[in-house]
C-alpha atoms as a PDB file:
ATOM      1  CA  MET A   1      -0.078  -0.018  -0.277  1.00  0.00           C
ATOM      2  CA  HIS A   2       1.238   3.911  -0.941  1.00  0.00           C
ATOM      3  CA  LYS A   3       2.302   5.704   2.328  1.00  0.00           C
ATOM      4  CA  HIS A   4      -0.271   8.535   0.905  1.00  0.00           C
ATOM      5  CA  ASP A   5      -3.188   6.559  -0.726  1.00  0.00           C
ATOM      6  CA  HIS A   6      -5.565   9.213  -1.107  1.00  0.00           C
ATOM      7  CA  ILE A   7      -8.669   6.525  -1.019  1.00  0.00           C
ATOM      8  CA  LEU A   8      -7.775   5.629   2.402  1.00  0.00           C
ATOM      9  CA  LEU A   9      -7.172   9.338   3.139  1.00  0.00           C
ATOM     10  CA  ALA A  10     -10.596   9.958   1.777  1.00  0.00           C
ATOM     11  CA  LEU A  11     -12.205   7.016   3.954  1.00  0.00           C
ATOM     12  CA  GLY A  12      -9.995   7.721   7.026  1.00  0.00           C
ATOM     13  CA  LEU A  13     -11.244  11.665   7.133  1.00  0.00           C
ATOM     14  CA  ASN A  14     -14.963  10.205   6.577  1.00  0.00           C
ATOM     15  CA  VAL A  15     -14.218   8.290   9.571  1.00  0.00           C
ATOM     16  CA  ARG A  16     -12.903  10.783  11.609  1.00  0.00           C
ATOM     17  CA  ARG A  17     -15.830  13.360  10.576  1.00  0.00           C
ATOM     18  CA  MET A  18     -18.503  11.559  11.284  1.00  0.00           C
ATOM     19  CA  ARG A  19     -16.882  10.094  14.495  1.00  0.00           C
ATOM     20  CA  GLU A  20     -16.684  13.851  15.977  1.00  0.00           C
ATOM     21  CA  ALA A  21     -19.840  14.852  14.981  1.00  0.00           C
ATOM     22  CA  ASN A  22     -21.627  12.202  17.057  1.00  0.00           C
ATOM     23  CA  GLY A  23     -19.035  13.055  20.038  1.00  0.00           C
ATOM     24  CA  LEU A  24     -16.813   9.946  20.332  1.00  0.00           C
ATOM     25  CA  THR A  25     -13.852   9.088  20.700  1.00  0.00           C
ATOM     26  CA  GLN A  26     -11.942   6.885  19.256  1.00  0.00           C
ATOM     27  CA  GLU A  27     -12.084   4.004  21.987  1.00  0.00           C
ATOM     28  CA  VAL A  28     -15.916   4.819  22.518  1.00  0.00           C
ATOM     29  CA  LEU A  29     -16.722   3.858  18.305  1.00  0.00           C
ATOM     30  CA  ALA A  30     -14.287   1.671  18.115  1.00  0.00           C
ATOM     31  CA  GLU A  31     -15.628  -0.600  21.049  1.00  0.00           C
ATOM     32  CA  LYS A  32     -19.266   0.310  19.763  1.00  0.00           C
ATOM     33  CA  ALA A  33     -17.903  -1.656  16.102  1.00  0.00           C
ATOM     34  CA  GLY A  34     -16.249  -4.278  17.880  1.00  0.00           C
ATOM     35  CA  LEU A  35     -12.307  -3.546  16.477  1.00  0.00           C
ATOM     36  CA  ASP A  36      -9.747  -2.074  18.467  1.00  0.00           C
ATOM     37  CA  GLN A  37      -9.135   1.938  18.871  1.00  0.00           C
ATOM     38  CA  THR A  38      -5.209   1.809  17.111  1.00  0.00           C
ATOM     39  CA  TYR A  39      -7.510   0.490  14.171  1.00  0.00           C
ATOM     40  CA  ILE A  40      -9.958   2.767  13.897  1.00  0.00           C
ATOM     41  CA  SER A  41      -7.171   4.859  14.457  1.00  0.00           C
ATOM     42  CA  GLY A  42      -4.734   3.653  11.637  1.00  0.00           C
ATOM     43  CA  ILE A  43      -7.925   4.192   9.475  1.00  0.00           C
ATOM     44  CA  GLU A  44      -8.636   8.003  10.338  1.00  0.00           C
ATOM     45  CA  ARG A  45      -5.265   7.969   9.281  1.00  0.00           C
ATOM     46  CA  GLY A  46      -5.061   6.752   6.131  1.00  0.00           C
ATOM     47  CA  LEU A  47      -2.750   3.747   7.050  1.00  0.00           C
ATOM     48  CA  ARG A  48      -4.730   1.077   7.372  1.00  0.00           C
ATOM     49  CA  ASN A  49      -7.090  -0.400   4.334  1.00  0.00           C
ATOM     50  CA  PRO A  50     -10.393  -2.628   5.790  1.00  0.00           C
ATOM     51  CA  GLY A  51     -12.250  -4.414   4.416  1.00  0.00           C
ATOM     52  CA  ILE A  52     -15.909  -3.892   3.332  1.00  0.00           C
ATOM     53  CA  LYS A  53     -17.115  -5.600   6.341  1.00  0.00           C
ATOM     54  CA  ASN A  54     -15.495  -3.573   9.081  1.00  0.00           C
ATOM     55  CA  VAL A  55     -16.241  -0.320   7.287  1.00  0.00           C
ATOM     56  CA  ALA A  56     -19.938  -1.307   7.739  1.00  0.00           C
ATOM     57  CA  ARG A  57     -19.182  -1.840  11.439  1.00  0.00           C
ATOM     58  CA  ILE A  58     -17.650   1.261  11.653  1.00  0.00           C
ATOM     59  CA  ALA A  59     -20.833   2.849   9.540  1.00  0.00           C
ATOM     60  CA  LYS A  60     -23.578   1.263  11.963  1.00  0.00           C
ATOM     61  CA  ALA A  61     -21.654   2.108  15.251  1.00  0.00           C
ATOM     62  CA  LEU A  62     -22.100   5.323  13.845  1.00  0.00           C
ATOM     63  CA  GLY A  63     -25.939   5.519  12.724  1.00  0.00           C
ATOM     64  CA  ILE A  64     -24.805   5.760   9.077  1.00  0.00           C
ATOM     65  CA  THR A  65     -25.353   3.683   6.156  1.00  0.00           C
ATOM     66  CA  THR A  66     -21.556   2.411   4.646  1.00  0.00           C
ATOM     67  CA  ALA A  67     -22.881   4.332   1.349  1.00  0.00           C
ATOM     68  CA  LYS A  68     -22.905   7.458   3.367  1.00  0.00           C
ATOM     69  CA  LEU A  69     -19.909   6.515   5.372  1.00  0.00           C
ATOM     70  CA  CYS A  70     -17.674   5.973   1.908  1.00  0.00           C
ATOM     71  CA  GLU A  71     -18.953   9.631   0.103  1.00  0.00           C
ATOM     72  CA  GLY A  72     -16.625  10.695  -2.259  1.00  0.00           C
ATOM     73  CA  VAL A  73     -14.408   8.014  -1.350  1.00  0.00           C
ATOM     74  CA  GLY A  74     -13.250   7.185  -5.093  1.00  0.00           C
ATOM     75  CA  ALA A  75     -10.552   6.424  -7.704  1.00  0.00           C
END
């Protein structure tokens, strides 16, 4: 994976914006999604390439659709 992959950075920014809009910490989001806080951090920084199942889990934890979480994320 390229260090500055724009797709992963865009997804990470969406996760961070939605998390902050919901007033959640990375820890709380991770707990709600059944994931590790360091994993959420890696996604937000564009360092992790989450599978669709984990993207869906994060979206559900944020109370939004997977499609909404992925808005603007494209090649």
